[in-house]
Amino acid sequence: MNLAKIFLGAQFAVLMLIGVANAQPPSNDLKQLVEQLQKTPDDSALRGQIIALASKAKHAPVVPDEAHRHLERGIAAFEVARSPEDFNLAIAEFQSAANVAPWWPDAYFNLAKAQEKTQDFKGAIGNYQFYLLAAPGAKDAEAVRTQSYKLEFLAERKAKDDDVKAKAAQLAQQAQGVLTAFMQQFGGQIYTGLTCYTGFITQPDGTGKSDGCTEEERAGTYWHVYPPNGLPGRFVLPGDGTVRFIMGLDDAYPTYDIQFIGTPAGPTVNDMRWECPATKLDSGEAKLTGTRPGWFRVAPAMSNITYTCATTDPNPMEKYFFVSWTIRSYVPGGDTDSKFYR
């Protein structure tokens, strides 16, 4: 279907024929108001005032050639538009037509149609209102009102969606700020690790497994170097919205070196939520799949982190595999034996 027919319709043809026969140059008052509007095109009250003044004139004001030029350019842009950016070019032309001849209904109708394509529903509603104000007797007036009601709903839904997106973006920006601040404060710290156990449980295959510590034992001296090779621990920023605590100083670390993961849960570095890594085997290699809850006790200034991934609420009488990382001077090749150590 021809776009000009969609936009202009038979009623516009009638209006244009009448306009050619009866049009008069704009009055001085109207000219002054139009000049003022062109300086402040967002002044909806002034635009409505101009439309009302033009409608009271005995003969409709002449639509300048410049306005016709912008309208036709807008229609051409609309016809080839494929993206919101393309439709914005049409919107700019239709808006220029409406600024040159603010009383011209054609400009507002076309402008509203283009704004619908960019989901500027609120803007489209406003320009449909200007169209109805400028052409109250238009044959499609009822259809335009009906479309405006539909756009009201779409505008309300879009406003809610935009609000959700804005809040999510704000939280993401806040989280990134927390991660940056965290790494500035603690990113350069080196930790040495200990693990608490009192003995080993022999497995059916003959291997040994730490039987962990109770709360009372954890408060004692049942601590051993962890890991046995004495690798240090440190915080790294992987770029996925979290901070990781890993073993070793190599930036290319395997998944099993990830000890725990922190996610910003508030506006400060003290609001970090600490969790254990969740992994799965893929072709014999551990892959990080997310996080899982654990129990964490964090000392001020991150000077010590003690945790277990075995539970979220340790029973004082039960044994758990606890790990404790403390800020200490790290000496490569230093003491790494498994003597009791605290």
Protein backbone atom coordinates (compact mmCIF):
# COMPACT_ATOMS: atom_id res chain seq x y z
CA MET A 1 0.00 0.00 0.00
CA ASN A 2 1.27 3.46 -0.84
CA LEU A 3 2.77 5.07 2.25
CA ALA A 4 1.50 8.56 1.40
CA LYS A 5 -2.02 7.17 1.32
CA ILE A 6 -1.52 5.50 4.68
CA PHE A 7 -0.27 8.73 6.20
CA LEU A 8 -2.29 11.38 4.48
CA GLY A 9 -5.56 9.61 3.66
CA ALA A 10 -8.43 10.99 1.63
CA GLN A 11 -9.32 13.48 4.33
CA PHE A 12 -5.94 15.16 3.91
CA ALA A 13 -6.44 15.50 0.19
CA VAL A 14 -9.67 17.35 0.89
CA LEU A 15 -7.96 19.56 3.46
CA MET A 16 -5.15 20.38 1.04
CA LEU A 17 -7.57 21.30 -1.75
CA ILE A 18 -9.47 23.57 0.61
CA GLY A 19 -6.19 25.00 1.80
CA VAL A 20 -5.08 25.87 -1.72
CA ALA A 21 -8.34 27.65 -2.42
CA ASN A 22 -8.76 29.52 0.85
CA ALA A 23 -5.30 29.69 2.45
CA GLN A 24 -4.08 33.05 3.69
CA PRO A 25 -0.65 34.13 4.90
CA PRO A 26 -0.27 33.69 8.68
CA SER A 27 -1.23 36.73 10.73
CA ASN A 28 1.46 38.74 12.49
CA ASP A 29 0.36 37.30 15.84
CA LEU A 30 0.65 33.79 14.50
CA LYS A 31 4.05 34.54 12.95
CA GLN A 32 5.38 35.81 16.25
CA LEU A 33 4.15 32.74 18.12
CA VAL A 34 5.67 30.40 15.50
CA GLU A 35 9.01 32.21 15.76
CA GLN A 36 8.86 31.79 19.52
CA LEU A 37 7.99 28.08 19.20
CA GLN A 38 10.92 27.48 16.88
CA LYS A 39 13.17 28.71 19.69
CA THR A 40 11.41 26.47 22.24
CA PRO A 41 10.00 23.53 20.23
CA ASP A 42 9.26 21.49 23.37
CA ASP A 43 6.76 24.07 24.64
CA SER A 44 3.56 22.03 24.24
CA ALA A 45 1.37 24.78 25.69
CA LEU A 46 2.62 27.27 23.12
CA ARG A 47 2.13 24.73 20.32
CA GLY A 48 -1.46 24.18 21.45
CA GLN A 49 -1.97 27.95 21.58
CA ILE A 50 -0.79 28.28 17.97
CA ILE A 51 -3.09 25.48 16.77
CA ALA A 52 -6.05 27.06 18.57
CA LEU A 53 -5.29 30.49 17.09
CA ALA A 54 -4.95 29.06 13.57
CA SER A 55 -8.23 27.18 13.89
CA LYS A 56 -10.06 30.42 14.71
CA ALA A 57 -8.79 32.14 11.58
CA LYS A 58 -11.38 32.71 8.84
CA HIS A 59 -9.09 30.98 6.36
CA ALA A 60 -6.47 28.36 7.11
CA PRO A 61 -2.89 29.72 7.11
CA VAL A 62 -0.71 28.81 4.14
CA VAL A 63 1.55 25.82 4.78
CA PRO A 64 5.03 26.99 3.70
CA ASP A 65 6.93 25.06 1.04
CA GLU A 66 9.62 24.34 3.62
CA ALA A 67 7.10 22.38 5.71
CA HIS A 68 6.00 20.39 2.63
CA ARG A 69 9.66 19.69 1.86
CA HIS A 70 10.31 18.30 5.32
CA LEU A 71 7.14 16.20 5.21
CA GLU A 72 8.07 14.57 1.89
CA ARG A 73 11.62 13.95 3.10
CA GLY A 74 10.18 12.31 6.20
CA ILE A 75 7.93 10.04 4.15
CA ALA A 76 10.93 9.03 2.01
CA ALA A 77 12.94 8.25 5.14
CA PHE A 78 10.05 6.25 6.60
CA GLU A 79 9.67 4.17 3.45
CA VAL A 80 13.27 2.93 3.55
CA ALA A 81 13.64 2.73 7.36
CA ARG A 82 14.73 -0.61 8.82
CA SER A 83 15.97 0.32 12.29
CA PRO A 84 15.12 2.75 15.11
CA GLU A 85 17.98 4.94 13.90
CA ASP A 86 16.43 5.03 10.43
CA PHE A 87 13.02 5.98 11.82
CA ASN A 88 14.67 8.73 13.86
CA LEU A 89 15.66 10.37 10.58
CA ALA A 90 11.99 10.42 9.55
CA ILE A 91 11.01 11.75 12.98
CA ALA A 92 13.45 14.63 12.62
CA GLU A 93 11.95 15.61 9.27
CA PHE A 94 8.34 15.39 10.48
CA GLN A 95 9.26 17.38 13.59
CA SER A 96 10.80 20.07 11.41
CA ALA A 97 7.58 20.21 9.36
CA ALA A 98 5.57 20.59 12.58
CA ASN A 99 7.86 23.39 13.74
CA VAL A 100 7.62 25.31 10.47
CA ALA A 101 3.81 24.92 10.28
CA PRO A 102 2.62 24.08 13.82
CA TRP A 103 -1.05 24.23 12.78
CA TRP A 104 -0.65 21.56 10.07
CA PRO A 105 -2.30 18.25 11.11
CA ASP A 106 -0.44 16.17 8.51
CA ALA A 107 2.88 16.79 10.25
CA TYR A 108 1.61 15.52 13.61
CA PHE A 109 -0.05 12.42 12.18
CA ASN A 110 3.11 11.38 10.37
CA LEU A 111 5.28 12.24 13.36
CA ALA A 112 3.14 10.08 15.65
CA LYS A 113 3.30 7.13 13.23
CA ALA A 114 7.10 7.33 13.11
CA GLN A 115 7.36 7.61 16.88
CA GLU A 116 5.36 4.42 17.27
CA LYS A 117 8.08 2.63 15.31
CA THR A 118 10.71 3.72 17.84
CA GLN A 119 8.44 2.84 20.80
CA ASP A 120 8.22 6.48 21.82
CA PHE A 121 4.61 5.84 22.75
CA LYS A 122 4.30 8.87 25.00
CA GLY A 123 5.52 11.15 22.21
CA ALA A 124 3.17 9.52 19.71
CA ILE A 125 0.18 10.06 22.02
CA GLY A 126 1.05 13.74 22.36
CA ASN A 127 1.30 14.25 18.62
CA TYR A 128 -1.94 12.39 17.97
CA GLN A 129 -3.51 14.86 20.39
CA PHE A 130 -2.06 17.76 18.42
CA TYR A 131 -3.41 16.15 15.25
CA LEU A 132 -6.92 15.95 16.70
CA LEU A 133 -6.65 19.53 17.94
CA ALA A 134 -5.58 20.71 14.47
CA ALA A 135 -8.13 18.55 12.59
CA PRO A 136 -11.08 17.97 14.96
CA GLY A 137 -13.35 17.01 12.08
CA ALA A 138 -11.00 14.46 10.52
CA LYS A 139 -12.74 11.29 9.33
CA ASP A 140 -10.25 9.12 11.19
CA ALA A 141 -10.56 11.06 14.47
CA GLU A 142 -12.19 8.15 16.29
CA ALA A 143 -9.62 5.67 14.98
CA VAL A 144 -6.83 7.99 16.16
CA ARG A 145 -8.39 8.23 19.62
CA THR A 146 -8.66 4.44 19.76
CA GLN A 147 -5.00 4.08 18.78
CA SER A 148 -4.04 6.60 21.48
CA TYR A 149 -5.77 4.47 24.12
CA LYS A 150 -3.74 1.45 23.02
CA LEU A 151 -0.57 3.49 23.13
CA GLU A 152 -1.38 4.58 26.69
CA PHE A 153 -1.14 0.96 27.81
CA LEU A 154 2.07 0.38 25.85
CA ALA A 155 3.59 3.55 27.28
CA GLU A 156 2.79 2.49 30.85
CA ARG A 157 4.27 -0.97 30.31
CA LYS A 158 7.38 0.47 28.67
CA ALA A 159 7.83 2.91 31.56
CA LYS A 160 7.79 0.00 34.02
CA ASP A 161 10.22 -2.01 31.89
CA ASP A 162 12.52 0.99 31.55
CA ASP A 163 12.41 1.51 35.32
CA VAL A 164 13.41 -2.10 35.92
CA LYS A 165 16.26 -1.80 33.42
CA ALA A 166 17.42 1.48 34.95
CA LYS A 167 17.49 -0.02 38.44
CA ALA A 168 19.36 -3.07 37.16
CA ALA A 169 21.90 -0.83 35.44
CA GLN A 170 22.27 1.23 38.62
CA LEU A 171 22.87 -1.92 40.69
CA ALA A 172 25.38 -3.19 38.13
CA GLN A 173 27.24 0.12 38.24
CA GLN A 174 27.18 0.04 42.05
CA ALA A 175 28.47 -3.55 42.06
CA GLN A 176 31.31 -2.66 39.71
CA GLY A 177 32.23 0.23 42.00
CA VAL A 178 32.27 -2.13 44.99
CA LEU A 179 34.48 -4.62 43.14
CA THR A 180 36.89 -1.87 42.12
CA ALA A 181 37.05 -0.53 45.68
CA PHE A 182 37.51 -4.05 47.05
CA MET A 183 40.45 -4.79 44.79
CA GLN A 184 42.02 -1.41 45.57
CA GLN A 185 41.92 -2.27 49.26
CA PHE A 186 42.60 -6.00 49.25
CA GLY A 187 43.78 -6.97 45.76
CA GLY A 188 47.44 -6.74 46.67
CA GLN A 189 47.24 -8.80 49.85
CA ILE A 190 48.84 -12.24 50.02
CA TYR A 191 47.41 -14.91 52.31
CA THR A 192 48.73 -18.18 53.71
CA GLY A 193 46.30 -20.98 54.41
CA LEU A 194 45.66 -23.47 57.18
CA THR A 195 43.19 -26.30 57.50
CA CYS A 196 41.84 -27.85 60.69
CA TYR A 197 41.79 -31.60 61.21
CA THR A 198 42.58 -34.03 64.04
CA GLY A 199 43.28 -37.15 62.03
CA PHE A 200 42.37 -39.17 58.97
CA ILE A 201 39.54 -41.51 58.11
CA THR A 202 40.72 -44.47 56.04
CA GLN A 203 38.66 -44.98 52.91
CA PRO A 204 37.83 -48.42 51.41
CA ASP A 205 40.42 -47.86 48.70
CA GLY A 206 43.09 -47.25 51.33
CA THR A 207 43.33 -43.50 50.86
CA GLY A 208 43.03 -41.08 53.75
CA LYS A 209 40.58 -38.24 54.24
CA SER A 210 40.68 -35.46 56.83
CA ASP A 211 38.01 -35.92 59.48
CA GLY A 212 37.90 -32.17 60.11
CA CYS A 213 37.37 -30.31 63.40
CA THR A 214 34.59 -29.56 65.84
CA GLU A 215 34.08 -25.99 67.05
CA GLU A 216 36.16 -26.68 70.15
CA GLU A 217 38.97 -28.22 68.12
CA ARG A 218 38.83 -25.35 65.68
CA ALA A 219 39.53 -23.01 68.59
CA GLY A 220 42.64 -25.04 69.47
CA THR A 221 45.86 -25.90 67.69
CA TYR A 222 44.67 -28.52 65.24
CA TRP A 223 45.70 -26.48 62.23
CA HIS A 224 48.01 -27.58 59.39
CA VAL A 225 49.54 -25.85 56.39
CA TYR A 226 47.07 -25.63 53.51
CA PRO A 227 47.63 -26.54 50.79
CA PRO A 228 50.45 -28.95 51.67
CA ASN A 229 52.72 -27.33 49.08
CA GLY A 230 52.26 -23.97 50.81
CA LEU A 231 50.81 -22.05 47.85
CA PRO A 232 49.64 -18.55 48.85
CA GLY A 233 46.14 -17.22 48.30
CA ARG A 234 44.97 -13.94 46.81
CA PHE A 235 41.96 -12.13 45.35
CA VAL A 236 41.48 -11.74 41.60
CA LEU A 237 38.86 -10.01 39.47
CA PRO A 238 37.63 -12.38 36.71
CA GLY A 239 35.38 -9.82 35.01
CA ASP A 240 32.10 -11.64 35.61
CA GLY A 241 30.74 -9.36 38.35
CA THR A 242 32.44 -11.29 41.17
CA VAL A 243 35.76 -11.46 43.01
CA ARG A 244 37.52 -14.79 43.43
CA PHE A 245 39.93 -16.01 46.05
CA ILE A 246 42.41 -18.38 44.42
CA MET A 247 45.48 -20.37 45.36
CA GLY A 248 48.73 -19.45 43.65
CA LEU A 249 50.22 -16.42 41.91
CA ASP A 250 49.67 -17.55 38.31
CA ASP A 251 46.95 -15.62 36.45
CA ALA A 252 46.17 -18.77 34.44
CA TYR A 253 44.74 -20.79 37.30
CA PRO A 254 42.68 -24.00 37.08
CA THR A 255 39.13 -24.16 38.41
CA TYR A 256 40.10 -26.29 41.40
CA ASP A 257 42.30 -23.41 42.66
CA ILE A 258 39.20 -21.24 43.21
CA GLN A 259 38.61 -21.32 46.97
CA PHE A 260 35.58 -19.05 47.31
CA ILE A 261 33.71 -16.33 45.42
CA GLY A 262 32.39 -12.94 46.50
CA THR A 263 29.43 -11.10 44.97
CA PRO A 264 28.55 -7.48 45.84
CA ALA A 265 25.32 -7.48 47.86
CA GLY A 266 25.26 -3.82 48.90
CA PRO A 267 26.91 -0.44 48.40
CA THR A 268 30.18 -1.11 50.31
CA VAL A 269 32.96 -3.68 50.36
CA ASN A 270 31.60 -4.87 53.70
CA ASP A 271 28.41 -6.04 51.98
CA MET A 272 30.08 -8.79 49.99
CA ARG A 273 28.25 -12.15 49.87
CA TRP A 274 30.73 -15.02 50.09
CA GLU A 275 29.95 -18.43 48.60
CA CYS A 276 31.71 -21.63 47.61
CA PRO A 277 32.37 -22.53 43.97
CA ALA A 278 30.01 -25.00 42.31
CA THR A 279 31.76 -27.23 39.79
CA LYS A 280 31.16 -30.22 37.56
CA LEU A 281 33.46 -32.55 35.67
CA ASP A 282 33.57 -32.05 31.93
CA SER A 283 35.81 -34.47 30.01
CA GLY A 284 37.70 -35.13 33.22
CA GLU A 285 38.24 -31.42 33.90
CA ALA A 286 36.52 -29.39 36.61
CA LYS A 287 34.34 -26.58 35.23
CA LEU A 288 32.89 -23.71 37.27
CA THR A 289 29.09 -23.71 37.03
CA GLY A 290 28.21 -21.07 39.64
CA THR A 291 28.24 -20.81 43.41
CA ARG A 292 26.79 -22.68 46.37
CA PRO A 293 26.26 -21.63 49.98
CA GLY A 294 28.85 -22.18 52.68
CA TRP A 295 29.76 -20.85 56.12
CA PHE A 296 32.11 -17.86 56.31
CA ARG A 297 33.61 -15.82 59.11
CA VAL A 298 35.42 -12.73 57.86
CA ALA A 299 37.69 -10.65 60.11
CA PRO A 300 37.88 -6.84 59.83
CA ALA A 301 39.87 -5.54 56.85
CA MET A 302 39.81 -9.06 55.39
CA SER A 303 42.77 -9.97 57.62
CA ASN A 304 41.40 -13.50 58.01
CA ILE A 305 38.75 -15.57 56.27
CA THR A 306 37.68 -18.87 57.84
CA TYR A 307 35.12 -20.99 56.05
CA THR A 308 33.73 -24.38 55.24
CA CYS A 309 31.79 -25.48 52.19
CA ALA A 310 30.38 -28.51 54.02
CA THR A 311 27.50 -26.64 55.69
CA THR A 312 25.90 -23.24 56.13
CA ASP A 313 25.29 -23.67 59.86
CA PRO A 314 28.00 -25.69 61.63
CA ASN A 315 26.88 -27.95 64.48
CA PRO A 316 29.43 -27.33 67.29
CA MET A 317 29.71 -31.07 67.90
CA GLU A 318 30.14 -32.10 64.27
CA LYS A 319 33.47 -32.23 62.41
CA TYR A 320 33.90 -30.12 59.26
CA PHE A 321 36.70 -29.36 56.87
CA PHE A 322 37.56 -25.76 57.79
CA VAL A 323 40.04 -23.58 55.93
CA SER A 324 41.54 -20.36 57.27
CA TRP A 325 43.39 -17.81 55.16
CA THR A 326 45.39 -15.11 56.95
CA ILE A 327 47.44 -12.17 55.69
CA ARG A 328 51.05 -13.16 56.21
CA SER A 329 54.38 -12.61 54.56
CA TYR A 330 54.85 -15.24 51.88
CA VAL A 331 58.31 -16.76 51.38
CA PRO A 332 58.53 -19.07 48.34
CA GLY A 333 60.05 -22.41 49.33
CA GLY A 334 59.44 -21.78 53.02
CA ASP A 335 58.02 -24.14 55.65
CA THR A 336 55.40 -26.37 53.99
CA ASP A 337 55.37 -29.47 56.18
CA SER A 338 52.22 -30.71 57.91
CA LYS A 339 53.21 -30.11 61.51
CA PHE A 340 50.55 -28.68 63.82
CA TYR A 341 50.59 -24.99 63.12
CA ARG A 342 48.63 -21.99 64.42
